[in-house]
Amino acid sequence: MEFLVNMTTEVPEGTTPAEVADMRAREAAHTRDLAGQGRVSRLWRPPLGPHEWRTIGLFVAGSPGELESTLASMPLRVWRTDEVTALGAHPNDPGRGEVPLMAGSEEFLVTFTLSVPDEVGPETVDEMSAQEAERARKLAADGWLLRLWTLPGPGRSLGHWQTTRAGAMREILKTLPLADWLTTETVPLTRHPSDPAVEVRAS
């Protein structure tokens, strides 16, 4: 099972810079161990406001309880709150590791909410869904779509994307056959220093 975890850290008042540096070093070392065990797939930073310390992580675990054990083992957990979202299998997902990261690319998480108009019949929905699946395969083959999951709630899904030029993400989303029925929320991501894919991206 895969899980998306939004992690928010609040450093207690009175904590010295040396203590923060030590905690971060221990967190980075432990994260490398978890990545080696296949329990942490990716780490990113979302857009941050002043004094914010947040991370988005993609974790792998056999159950929610196993995930909690992983999260509880991380040194920063004593300063951190975690918001966990279970990710479901999506029929259009390219698959873990199937689409390589491009050097110099920017990454995004896009949440999709599908709302089919009442007047649209099932046959039309099936036809449009087939076109959407074909388009997803093409976008993955071109290297833009990295992963795709279902989210809790009706008609909701999450895509992990990459682009190599500014503005391309908006253009890509407009090409989706279901675009007129989709509400999207795009989160640009920046590299986390402990991201297991750092070496892949640098190669």
N, C-alpha and C. Protein backbone atom coordinates (compact mmCIF):
# COMPACT_ATOMS: atom_id res chain seq x y z
N MET A 1 0.84 -1.20 0.00
CA MET A 1 0.00 0.00 0.00
C MET A 1 0.87 1.24 0.00
N GLU A 2 0.38 2.29 -0.67
CA GLU A 2 1.09 3.56 -0.69
C GLU A 2 0.27 4.62 0.04
N PHE A 3 0.97 5.53 0.68
CA PHE A 3 0.34 6.57 1.47
C PHE A 3 1.03 7.90 1.20
N LEU A 4 0.24 8.96 1.09
CA LEU A 4 0.78 10.31 1.02
C LEU A 4 0.69 10.90 2.41
N VAL A 5 1.79 11.44 2.90
CA VAL A 5 1.83 11.97 4.26
C VAL A 5 2.26 13.43 4.21
N ASN A 6 1.38 14.31 4.69
CA ASN A 6 1.73 15.72 4.85
C ASN A 6 2.26 15.91 6.26
N MET A 7 3.51 16.31 6.36
CA MET A 7 4.20 16.40 7.64
C MET A 7 4.49 17.87 7.98
N THR A 8 4.00 18.32 9.12
CA THR A 8 4.21 19.69 9.57
C THR A 8 4.99 19.67 10.86
N THR A 9 6.13 20.34 10.87
CA THR A 9 7.02 20.34 12.04
C THR A 9 6.98 21.70 12.72
N GLU A 10 6.86 21.68 14.03
CA GLU A 10 6.91 22.90 14.83
C GLU A 10 7.99 22.73 15.88
N VAL A 11 9.04 23.51 15.76
CA VAL A 11 10.16 23.42 16.68
C VAL A 11 9.78 24.10 17.99
N PRO A 12 9.92 23.42 19.13
CA PRO A 12 9.55 24.02 20.42
C PRO A 12 10.37 25.28 20.71
N GLU A 13 9.72 26.23 21.36
CA GLU A 13 10.44 27.44 21.77
C GLU A 13 11.59 27.07 22.69
N GLY A 14 12.68 27.78 22.54
CA GLY A 14 13.85 27.54 23.37
C GLY A 14 14.81 26.52 22.80
N THR A 15 14.44 25.88 21.68
CA THR A 15 15.33 24.91 21.06
C THR A 15 16.50 25.65 20.39
N THR A 16 17.70 25.22 20.65
CA THR A 16 18.86 25.92 20.12
C THR A 16 19.11 25.50 18.67
N PRO A 17 19.79 26.35 17.89
CA PRO A 17 20.15 25.95 16.52
C PRO A 17 20.95 24.65 16.47
N ALA A 18 21.79 24.41 17.46
CA ALA A 18 22.57 23.17 17.47
C ALA A 18 21.66 21.96 17.66
N GLU A 19 20.65 22.10 18.49
CA GLU A 19 19.70 21.00 18.70
C GLU A 19 18.89 20.74 17.44
N VAL A 20 18.50 21.81 16.74
CA VAL A 20 17.77 21.65 15.48
C VAL A 20 18.65 20.94 14.46
N ALA A 21 19.91 21.36 14.35
CA ALA A 21 20.82 20.74 13.39
C ALA A 21 21.03 19.26 13.70
N ASP A 22 21.16 18.94 14.98
CA ASP A 22 21.34 17.54 15.38
C ASP A 22 20.10 16.72 15.04
N MET A 23 18.92 17.27 15.32
CA MET A 23 17.68 16.56 15.01
C MET A 23 17.55 16.31 13.51
N ARG A 24 17.86 17.33 12.71
CA ARG A 24 17.78 17.19 11.26
C ARG A 24 18.76 16.14 10.75
N ALA A 25 19.95 16.12 11.31
CA ALA A 25 20.94 15.14 10.88
C ALA A 25 20.47 13.72 11.21
N ARG A 26 19.89 13.53 12.39
CA ARG A 26 19.40 12.20 12.76
C ARG A 26 18.21 11.80 11.89
N GLU A 27 17.35 12.79 11.57
CA GLU A 27 16.20 12.51 10.70
C GLU A 27 16.68 12.09 9.31
N ALA A 28 17.67 12.80 8.77
CA ALA A 28 18.19 12.47 7.44
C ALA A 28 18.79 11.07 7.41
N ALA A 29 19.56 10.72 8.46
CA ALA A 29 20.18 9.39 8.50
C ALA A 29 19.12 8.30 8.60
N HIS A 30 18.10 8.53 9.41
CA HIS A 30 17.05 7.53 9.55
C HIS A 30 16.23 7.40 8.28
N THR A 31 16.00 8.52 7.61
CA THR A 31 15.26 8.49 6.35
C THR A 31 16.00 7.68 5.30
N ARG A 32 17.32 7.80 5.26
CA ARG A 32 18.11 6.97 4.34
C ARG A 32 17.92 5.49 4.64
N ASP A 33 17.87 5.14 5.93
CA ASP A 33 17.63 3.74 6.30
C ASP A 33 16.25 3.29 5.84
N LEU A 34 15.23 4.12 6.05
CA LEU A 34 13.87 3.76 5.65
C LEU A 34 13.77 3.63 4.13
N ALA A 35 14.46 4.50 3.41
CA ALA A 35 14.45 4.41 1.95
C ALA A 35 15.11 3.11 1.50
N GLY A 36 16.20 2.73 2.16
CA GLY A 36 16.87 1.48 1.83
C GLY A 36 15.99 0.27 2.08
N GLN A 37 15.07 0.39 3.03
CA GLN A 37 14.12 -0.69 3.33
C GLN A 37 12.88 -0.64 2.44
N GLY A 38 12.80 0.37 1.57
CA GLY A 38 11.66 0.49 0.67
C GLY A 38 10.43 1.09 1.31
N ARG A 39 10.59 1.74 2.47
CA ARG A 39 9.42 2.29 3.17
C ARG A 39 9.18 3.76 2.86
N VAL A 40 10.20 4.47 2.38
CA VAL A 40 10.04 5.85 1.93
C VAL A 40 10.40 5.91 0.45
N SER A 41 9.44 6.30 -0.39
CA SER A 41 9.69 6.38 -1.83
C SER A 41 10.18 7.75 -2.25
N ARG A 42 9.49 8.80 -1.78
CA ARG A 42 9.83 10.16 -2.19
C ARG A 42 9.56 11.12 -1.04
N LEU A 43 10.28 12.24 -1.04
CA LEU A 43 10.04 13.36 -0.14
C LEU A 43 10.13 14.65 -0.94
N TRP A 44 9.17 15.56 -0.71
CA TRP A 44 9.17 16.85 -1.38
C TRP A 44 8.87 17.96 -0.40
N ARG A 45 9.17 19.18 -0.82
CA ARG A 45 8.70 20.35 -0.09
C ARG A 45 7.63 21.04 -0.93
N PRO A 46 6.46 21.33 -0.33
CA PRO A 46 5.45 22.13 -1.02
C PRO A 46 5.81 23.60 -0.89
N PRO A 47 5.07 24.49 -1.52
CA PRO A 47 5.32 25.92 -1.30
C PRO A 47 5.20 26.26 0.18
N LEU A 48 6.14 27.02 0.70
CA LEU A 48 6.19 27.32 2.13
C LEU A 48 6.01 28.80 2.40
N GLY A 49 5.27 29.11 3.46
CA GLY A 49 5.16 30.47 3.93
C GLY A 49 6.27 30.77 4.92
N PRO A 50 6.32 32.00 5.43
CA PRO A 50 7.35 32.37 6.41
C PRO A 50 7.29 31.45 7.64
N HIS A 51 8.44 30.96 8.03
CA HIS A 51 8.60 30.15 9.24
C HIS A 51 7.90 28.79 9.16
N GLU A 52 7.44 28.39 7.99
CA GLU A 52 6.81 27.07 7.85
C GLU A 52 7.87 26.00 7.60
N TRP A 53 7.61 24.83 8.12
CA TRP A 53 8.50 23.69 7.98
C TRP A 53 7.62 22.49 7.65
N ARG A 54 7.42 22.24 6.36
CA ARG A 54 6.50 21.18 5.94
C ARG A 54 7.17 20.28 4.89
N THR A 55 6.74 19.03 4.88
CA THR A 55 7.25 18.04 3.94
C THR A 55 6.08 17.18 3.48
N ILE A 56 6.10 16.79 2.20
CA ILE A 56 5.16 15.80 1.69
C ILE A 56 5.96 14.54 1.38
N GLY A 57 5.48 13.42 1.89
CA GLY A 57 6.20 12.17 1.68
C GLY A 57 5.32 11.10 1.06
N LEU A 58 5.93 10.27 0.22
CA LEU A 58 5.27 9.10 -0.34
C LEU A 58 5.87 7.88 0.34
N PHE A 59 5.03 7.17 1.11
CA PHE A 59 5.49 6.04 1.92
C PHE A 59 4.85 4.75 1.43
N VAL A 60 5.51 3.65 1.72
CA VAL A 60 4.99 2.32 1.39
C VAL A 60 4.90 1.52 2.69
N ALA A 61 3.74 0.88 2.91
CA ALA A 61 3.55 0.08 4.11
C ALA A 61 2.50 -0.98 3.83
N GLY A 62 2.54 -2.07 4.59
CA GLY A 62 1.58 -3.14 4.40
C GLY A 62 0.21 -2.85 4.98
N SER A 63 0.14 -1.86 5.88
CA SER A 63 -1.10 -1.51 6.53
C SER A 63 -0.96 -0.13 7.15
N PRO A 64 -2.08 0.51 7.54
CA PRO A 64 -1.97 1.79 8.26
C PRO A 64 -1.17 1.66 9.55
N GLY A 65 -1.31 0.53 10.25
CA GLY A 65 -0.54 0.33 11.47
C GLY A 65 0.95 0.26 11.22
N GLU A 66 1.33 -0.40 10.13
CA GLU A 66 2.75 -0.48 9.78
C GLU A 66 3.29 0.90 9.41
N LEU A 67 2.47 1.68 8.71
CA LEU A 67 2.89 3.05 8.38
C LEU A 67 3.10 3.86 9.64
N GLU A 68 2.18 3.73 10.59
CA GLU A 68 2.32 4.48 11.84
C GLU A 68 3.61 4.11 12.56
N SER A 69 3.98 2.84 12.54
CA SER A 69 5.24 2.44 13.16
C SER A 69 6.43 3.11 12.47
N THR A 70 6.36 3.21 11.14
CA THR A 70 7.43 3.88 10.39
C THR A 70 7.50 5.35 10.77
N LEU A 71 6.36 6.02 10.78
CA LEU A 71 6.35 7.45 11.10
C LEU A 71 6.81 7.70 12.54
N ALA A 72 6.38 6.83 13.45
CA ALA A 72 6.75 7.00 14.85
C ALA A 72 8.24 6.79 15.08
N SER A 73 8.89 6.06 14.18
CA SER A 73 10.32 5.79 14.34
C SER A 73 11.19 6.96 13.92
N MET A 74 10.61 7.96 13.25
CA MET A 74 11.40 9.06 12.71
C MET A 74 11.68 10.08 13.81
N PRO A 75 12.94 10.51 13.98
CA PRO A 75 13.29 11.41 15.08
C PRO A 75 12.43 12.67 15.15
N LEU A 76 12.11 13.27 13.99
CA LEU A 76 11.35 14.53 14.00
C LEU A 76 9.90 14.35 14.45
N ARG A 77 9.43 13.12 14.60
CA ARG A 77 8.04 12.90 14.98
C ARG A 77 7.68 13.61 16.30
N VAL A 78 8.64 13.79 17.18
CA VAL A 78 8.35 14.44 18.47
C VAL A 78 7.98 15.91 18.29
N TRP A 79 8.34 16.50 17.14
CA TRP A 79 8.01 17.89 16.85
C TRP A 79 6.97 18.03 15.75
N ARG A 80 6.44 16.91 15.29
CA ARG A 80 5.73 16.90 14.02
C ARG A 80 4.32 16.35 14.15
N THR A 81 3.42 16.86 13.29
CA THR A 81 2.10 16.24 13.13
C THR A 81 2.01 15.74 11.69
N ASP A 82 1.37 14.58 11.53
CA ASP A 82 1.29 13.93 10.23
C ASP A 82 -0.16 13.77 9.80
N GLU A 83 -0.44 14.13 8.56
CA GLU A 83 -1.76 13.93 7.97
C GLU A 83 -1.61 12.87 6.87
N VAL A 84 -2.24 11.72 7.06
CA VAL A 84 -2.04 10.56 6.18
C VAL A 84 -3.23 10.39 5.25
N THR A 85 -2.94 10.18 3.97
CA THR A 85 -3.97 9.86 2.98
C THR A 85 -3.60 8.54 2.31
N ALA A 86 -4.50 7.57 2.41
CA ALA A 86 -4.27 6.29 1.74
C ALA A 86 -4.50 6.45 0.25
N LEU A 87 -3.57 5.93 -0.55
CA LEU A 87 -3.65 6.01 -1.99
C LEU A 87 -4.08 4.67 -2.56
N GLY A 88 -5.08 4.69 -3.45
CA GLY A 88 -5.57 3.46 -4.05
C GLY A 88 -5.03 3.26 -5.46
N ALA A 89 -5.09 2.02 -5.93
CA ALA A 89 -4.64 1.71 -7.28
C ALA A 89 -5.55 2.38 -8.31
N HIS A 90 -4.94 2.96 -9.33
CA HIS A 90 -5.68 3.60 -10.42
C HIS A 90 -5.41 2.81 -11.70
N PRO A 91 -6.44 2.53 -12.49
CA PRO A 91 -6.21 1.73 -13.70
C PRO A 91 -5.29 2.38 -14.71
N ASN A 92 -5.14 3.70 -14.65
CA ASN A 92 -4.27 4.39 -15.60
C ASN A 92 -2.88 4.70 -15.06
N ASP A 93 -2.56 4.16 -13.88
CA ASP A 93 -1.25 4.41 -13.28
C ASP A 93 -0.14 3.77 -14.11
N PRO A 94 0.89 4.53 -14.49
CA PRO A 94 2.00 3.93 -15.24
C PRO A 94 2.75 2.86 -14.44
N GLY A 95 2.73 2.99 -13.11
CA GLY A 95 3.43 2.02 -12.26
C GLY A 95 4.67 2.61 -11.63
N ARG A 96 4.97 2.15 -10.43
CA ARG A 96 6.12 2.68 -9.69
C ARG A 96 7.41 2.41 -10.44
N GLY A 97 8.18 3.46 -10.69
CA GLY A 97 9.48 3.33 -11.33
C GLY A 97 9.46 3.13 -12.83
N GLU A 98 8.27 3.12 -13.43
CA GLU A 98 8.18 2.88 -14.88
C GLU A 98 8.55 4.11 -15.71
N VAL A 99 8.29 5.30 -15.18
CA VAL A 99 8.62 6.54 -15.90
C VAL A 99 9.77 7.21 -15.16
N PRO A 100 10.92 7.37 -15.80
CA PRO A 100 12.07 7.94 -15.09
C PRO A 100 11.94 9.44 -14.88
N LEU A 101 12.60 9.91 -13.83
CA LEU A 101 12.70 11.35 -13.61
C LEU A 101 13.63 11.96 -14.65
N MET A 102 13.25 13.12 -15.16
CA MET A 102 14.07 13.84 -16.12
C MET A 102 14.98 14.83 -15.40
N ALA A 103 16.21 14.93 -15.84
CA ALA A 103 17.13 15.92 -15.27
C ALA A 103 16.58 17.31 -15.51
N GLY A 104 16.55 18.10 -14.46
CA GLY A 104 16.11 19.48 -14.57
C GLY A 104 14.60 19.68 -14.59
N SER A 105 13.84 18.61 -14.38
CA SER A 105 12.38 18.75 -14.44
C SER A 105 11.83 19.31 -13.13
N GLU A 106 10.63 19.89 -13.23
CA GLU A 106 9.87 20.32 -12.05
C GLU A 106 8.76 19.30 -11.84
N GLU A 107 8.46 19.02 -10.56
CA GLU A 107 7.44 18.03 -10.24
C GLU A 107 6.20 18.70 -9.64
N PHE A 108 5.06 18.02 -9.82
CA PHE A 108 3.79 18.53 -9.33
C PHE A 108 2.93 17.38 -8.83
N LEU A 109 2.11 17.67 -7.84
CA LEU A 109 1.01 16.79 -7.46
C LEU A 109 -0.28 17.49 -7.87
N VAL A 110 -1.14 16.78 -8.59
CA VAL A 110 -2.39 17.35 -9.06
C VAL A 110 -3.55 16.49 -8.54
N THR A 111 -4.44 17.12 -7.78
CA THR A 111 -5.64 16.44 -7.31
C THR A 111 -6.76 16.70 -8.30
N PHE A 112 -7.41 15.63 -8.72
CA PHE A 112 -8.52 15.71 -9.68
C PHE A 112 -9.82 15.32 -8.99
N THR A 113 -10.88 16.08 -9.25
CA THR A 113 -12.22 15.70 -8.81
C THR A 113 -13.12 15.69 -10.03
N LEU A 114 -13.64 14.51 -10.34
CA LEU A 114 -14.47 14.32 -11.54
C LEU A 114 -15.94 14.55 -11.19
N SER A 115 -16.59 15.40 -11.98
CA SER A 115 -18.02 15.65 -11.83
C SER A 115 -18.67 15.55 -13.21
N VAL A 116 -19.37 14.45 -13.44
CA VAL A 116 -20.01 14.21 -14.74
C VAL A 116 -21.35 14.93 -14.78
N PRO A 117 -21.61 15.74 -15.79
CA PRO A 117 -22.91 16.42 -15.90
C PRO A 117 -24.06 15.42 -15.91
N ASP A 118 -25.17 15.80 -15.31
CA ASP A 118 -26.32 14.91 -15.17
C ASP A 118 -26.85 14.43 -16.53
N GLU A 119 -26.73 15.28 -17.54
CA GLU A 119 -27.32 14.93 -18.83
C GLU A 119 -26.46 13.98 -19.66
N VAL A 120 -25.27 13.67 -19.18
CA VAL A 120 -24.36 12.80 -19.93
C VAL A 120 -24.68 11.33 -19.62
N GLY A 121 -24.87 10.52 -20.66
CA GLY A 121 -25.22 9.12 -20.49
C GLY A 121 -24.03 8.23 -20.23
N PRO A 122 -24.29 6.99 -19.76
CA PRO A 122 -23.20 6.05 -19.44
C PRO A 122 -22.30 5.73 -20.61
N GLU A 123 -22.86 5.62 -21.82
CA GLU A 123 -22.04 5.29 -22.98
C GLU A 123 -21.02 6.39 -23.26
N THR A 124 -21.46 7.63 -23.13
CA THR A 124 -20.54 8.75 -23.33
C THR A 124 -19.46 8.76 -22.27
N VAL A 125 -19.84 8.47 -21.04
CA VAL A 125 -18.85 8.42 -19.95
C VAL A 125 -17.81 7.34 -20.24
N ASP A 126 -18.28 6.17 -20.67
CA ASP A 126 -17.35 5.07 -20.98
C ASP A 126 -16.40 5.46 -22.12
N GLU A 127 -16.94 6.12 -23.15
CA GLU A 127 -16.11 6.53 -24.29
C GLU A 127 -15.07 7.55 -23.85
N MET A 128 -15.49 8.54 -23.06
CA MET A 128 -14.56 9.57 -22.61
C MET A 128 -13.51 8.98 -21.67
N SER A 129 -13.92 8.04 -20.83
CA SER A 129 -12.96 7.40 -19.91
C SER A 129 -11.92 6.60 -20.69
N ALA A 130 -12.33 5.95 -21.78
CA ALA A 130 -11.38 5.22 -22.62
C ALA A 130 -10.39 6.18 -23.27
N GLN A 131 -10.89 7.32 -23.73
CA GLN A 131 -10.00 8.32 -24.31
C GLN A 131 -9.03 8.86 -23.26
N GLU A 132 -9.52 9.03 -22.03
CA GLU A 132 -8.67 9.52 -20.94
C GLU A 132 -7.56 8.51 -20.64
N ALA A 133 -7.90 7.23 -20.64
CA ALA A 133 -6.90 6.20 -20.39
C ALA A 133 -5.83 6.20 -21.47
N GLU A 134 -6.25 6.35 -22.72
CA GLU A 134 -5.29 6.39 -23.83
C GLU A 134 -4.39 7.62 -23.72
N ARG A 135 -4.97 8.74 -23.34
CA ARG A 135 -4.17 9.96 -23.18
C ARG A 135 -3.18 9.81 -22.03
N ALA A 136 -3.59 9.17 -20.94
CA ALA A 136 -2.69 8.94 -19.82
C ALA A 136 -1.51 8.07 -20.25
N ARG A 137 -1.78 7.04 -21.04
CA ARG A 137 -0.68 6.20 -21.54
C ARG A 137 0.30 6.99 -22.38
N LYS A 138 -0.23 7.91 -23.21
CA LYS A 138 0.64 8.73 -24.06
C LYS A 138 1.48 9.70 -23.21
N LEU A 139 0.85 10.31 -22.22
CA LEU A 139 1.57 11.25 -21.36
C LEU A 139 2.65 10.54 -20.54
N ALA A 140 2.37 9.31 -20.13
CA ALA A 140 3.40 8.53 -19.43
C ALA A 140 4.54 8.16 -20.39
N ALA A 141 4.18 7.76 -21.60
CA ALA A 141 5.20 7.40 -22.58
C ALA A 141 6.09 8.58 -22.91
N ASP A 142 5.52 9.78 -22.89
CA ASP A 142 6.28 11.00 -23.17
C ASP A 142 7.07 11.49 -21.95
N GLY A 143 6.85 10.84 -20.80
CA GLY A 143 7.61 11.18 -19.60
C GLY A 143 6.99 12.21 -18.69
N TRP A 144 5.76 12.64 -18.97
CA TRP A 144 5.13 13.70 -18.16
C TRP A 144 4.38 13.14 -16.95
N LEU A 145 3.66 12.06 -17.13
CA LEU A 145 2.88 11.45 -16.04
C LEU A 145 3.72 10.36 -15.38
N LEU A 146 4.04 10.58 -14.10
CA LEU A 146 4.86 9.64 -13.36
C LEU A 146 4.03 8.58 -12.64
N ARG A 147 2.98 9.01 -11.95
CA ARG A 147 2.13 8.09 -11.19
C ARG A 147 0.70 8.62 -11.17
N LEU A 148 -0.23 7.72 -10.87
CA LEU A 148 -1.64 8.10 -10.76
C LEU A 148 -2.29 7.17 -9.74
N TRP A 149 -3.02 7.75 -8.77
CA TRP A 149 -3.68 6.98 -7.72
C TRP A 149 -5.13 7.45 -7.57
N THR A 150 -5.96 6.62 -6.96
CA THR A 150 -7.28 7.07 -6.53
C THR A 150 -7.16 7.61 -5.11
N LEU A 151 -8.04 8.56 -4.78
CA LEU A 151 -8.11 9.15 -3.45
C LEU A 151 -9.44 8.79 -2.80
N PRO A 152 -9.51 8.84 -1.49
CA PRO A 152 -10.81 8.63 -0.82
C PRO A 152 -11.84 9.65 -1.31
N GLY A 153 -13.07 9.20 -1.48
CA GLY A 153 -14.13 10.08 -1.95
C GLY A 153 -14.46 9.82 -3.40
N PRO A 154 -15.71 10.06 -3.79
CA PRO A 154 -16.14 9.77 -5.17
C PRO A 154 -15.45 10.65 -6.21
N GLY A 155 -14.95 10.01 -7.27
CA GLY A 155 -14.40 10.73 -8.41
C GLY A 155 -13.10 11.46 -8.16
N ARG A 156 -12.37 11.10 -7.11
CA ARG A 156 -11.14 11.82 -6.77
C ARG A 156 -9.92 10.97 -7.09
N SER A 157 -8.90 11.63 -7.62
CA SER A 157 -7.64 10.95 -7.94
C SER A 157 -6.49 11.93 -7.77
N LEU A 158 -5.28 11.38 -7.74
CA LEU A 158 -4.07 12.18 -7.55
C LEU A 158 -3.05 11.78 -8.58
N GLY A 159 -2.48 12.77 -9.27
CA GLY A 159 -1.45 12.52 -10.25
C GLY A 159 -0.12 13.14 -9.84
N HIS A 160 0.96 12.43 -10.13
CA HIS A 160 2.31 12.93 -9.92
C HIS A 160 2.92 13.17 -11.30
N TRP A 161 3.29 14.41 -11.56
CA TRP A 161 3.70 14.83 -12.89
C TRP A 161 5.07 15.49 -12.85
N GLN A 162 5.69 15.58 -14.03
CA GLN A 162 6.90 16.37 -14.18
C GLN A 162 6.86 17.10 -15.51
N THR A 163 7.46 18.28 -15.53
CA THR A 163 7.57 19.06 -16.77
C THR A 163 8.97 19.66 -16.83
N THR A 164 9.34 20.08 -18.03
CA THR A 164 10.68 20.64 -18.21
C THR A 164 10.66 22.11 -18.62
N ARG A 165 9.48 22.72 -18.64
CA ARG A 165 9.42 24.15 -18.95
C ARG A 165 8.25 24.79 -18.24
N ALA A 166 8.39 26.08 -17.96
CA ALA A 166 7.38 26.81 -17.21
C ALA A 166 6.05 26.83 -17.96
N GLY A 167 4.96 26.66 -17.22
CA GLY A 167 3.64 26.72 -17.82
C GLY A 167 3.16 25.45 -18.48
N ALA A 168 4.04 24.46 -18.61
CA ALA A 168 3.66 23.25 -19.34
C ALA A 168 2.59 22.45 -18.61
N MET A 169 2.57 22.51 -17.27
CA MET A 169 1.60 21.71 -16.54
C MET A 169 0.18 22.12 -16.88
N ARG A 170 -0.07 23.42 -16.97
CA ARG A 170 -1.42 23.89 -17.33
C ARG A 170 -1.79 23.43 -18.73
N GLU A 171 -0.85 23.49 -19.64
CA GLU A 171 -1.12 23.06 -21.02
C GLU A 171 -1.43 21.57 -21.07
N ILE A 172 -0.70 20.77 -20.31
CA ILE A 172 -0.94 19.33 -20.30
C ILE A 172 -2.33 19.01 -19.79
N LEU A 173 -2.72 19.65 -18.70
CA LEU A 173 -4.03 19.35 -18.11
C LEU A 173 -5.17 19.71 -19.05
N LYS A 174 -4.97 20.73 -19.87
CA LYS A 174 -6.01 21.12 -20.83
C LYS A 174 -6.22 20.06 -21.91
N THR A 175 -5.21 19.21 -22.13
CA THR A 175 -5.32 18.20 -23.19
C THR A 175 -6.06 16.94 -22.74
N LEU A 176 -6.40 16.84 -21.46
CA LEU A 176 -7.07 15.64 -20.97
C LEU A 176 -8.49 15.59 -21.52
N PRO A 177 -8.93 14.46 -22.07
CA PRO A 177 -10.28 14.37 -22.61
C PRO A 177 -11.37 14.71 -21.60
N LEU A 178 -11.12 14.43 -20.31
CA LEU A 178 -12.12 14.71 -19.28
C LEU A 178 -11.96 16.10 -18.67
N ALA A 179 -11.12 16.95 -19.26
CA ALA A 179 -10.79 18.24 -18.66
C ALA A 179 -12.01 19.07 -18.30
N ASP A 180 -13.05 19.06 -19.14
CA ASP A 180 -14.22 19.88 -18.88
C ASP A 180 -15.03 19.39 -17.68
N TRP A 181 -14.79 18.15 -17.27
CA TRP A 181 -15.51 17.58 -16.12
C TRP A 181 -14.65 17.52 -14.87
N LEU A 182 -13.44 18.03 -14.96
CA LEU A 182 -12.49 17.92 -13.86
C LEU A 182 -12.26 19.25 -13.16
N THR A 183 -12.23 19.20 -11.84
CA THR A 183 -11.70 20.29 -11.03
C THR A 183 -10.32 19.86 -10.56
N THR A 184 -9.34 20.74 -10.73
CA THR A 184 -7.96 20.35 -10.39
C THR A 184 -7.36 21.30 -9.37
N GLU A 185 -6.48 20.74 -8.56
CA GLU A 185 -5.67 21.53 -7.62
C GLU A 185 -4.23 21.10 -7.79
N THR A 186 -3.37 22.03 -8.20
CA THR A 186 -1.98 21.72 -8.51
C THR A 186 -1.05 22.25 -7.43
N VAL A 187 -0.18 21.38 -6.94
CA VAL A 187 0.81 21.77 -5.94
C VAL A 187 2.20 21.60 -6.54
N PRO A 188 2.93 22.69 -6.77
CA PRO A 188 4.30 22.56 -7.24
C PRO A 188 5.20 22.04 -6.13
N LEU A 189 6.15 21.20 -6.48
CA LEU A 189 7.03 20.57 -5.50
C LEU A 189 8.48 20.97 -5.74
N THR A 190 9.22 21.08 -4.66
CA THR A 190 10.66 21.26 -4.77
C THR A 190 11.35 20.10 -4.07
N ARG A 191 12.58 19.88 -4.43
CA ARG A 191 13.32 18.72 -3.93
C ARG A 191 13.59 18.84 -2.44
N HIS A 192 13.36 17.77 -1.72
CA HIS A 192 13.72 17.68 -0.31
C HIS A 192 15.15 17.13 -0.21
N PRO A 193 15.97 17.66 0.69
CA PRO A 193 17.36 17.18 0.75
C PRO A 193 17.48 15.70 1.09
N SER A 194 16.45 15.11 1.72
CA SER A 194 16.51 13.68 2.05
C SER A 194 15.70 12.82 1.08
N ASP A 195 15.28 13.39 -0.04
CA ASP A 195 14.49 12.64 -1.02
C ASP A 195 15.30 11.45 -1.54
N PRO A 196 14.74 10.23 -1.46
CA PRO A 196 15.48 9.07 -1.98
C PRO A 196 15.81 9.15 -3.47
N ALA A 197 15.09 10.01 -4.22
CA ALA A 197 15.33 10.10 -5.66
C ALA A 197 16.37 11.15 -6.02
N VAL A 198 17.02 11.77 -5.03
CA VAL A 198 17.99 12.81 -5.32
C VAL A 198 19.09 12.30 -6.23
N GLU A 199 19.63 11.12 -5.94
CA GLU A 199 20.73 10.59 -6.76
C GLU A 199 20.23 10.26 -8.16
N VAL A 200 18.98 9.80 -8.28
CA VAL A 200 18.43 9.50 -9.60
C VAL A 200 18.34 10.77 -10.42
N ARG A 201 17.83 11.83 -9.79
CA ARG A 201 17.66 13.09 -10.50
C ARG A 201 19.00 13.67 -10.90
N ALA A 202 20.00 13.48 -10.08
CA ALA A 202 21.31 14.09 -10.35
C ALA A 202 22.08 13.35 -11.44
N SER A 203 21.70 12.13 -11.72
CA SER A 203 22.47 11.33 -12.69
C SER A 203 22.17 11.76 -14.10
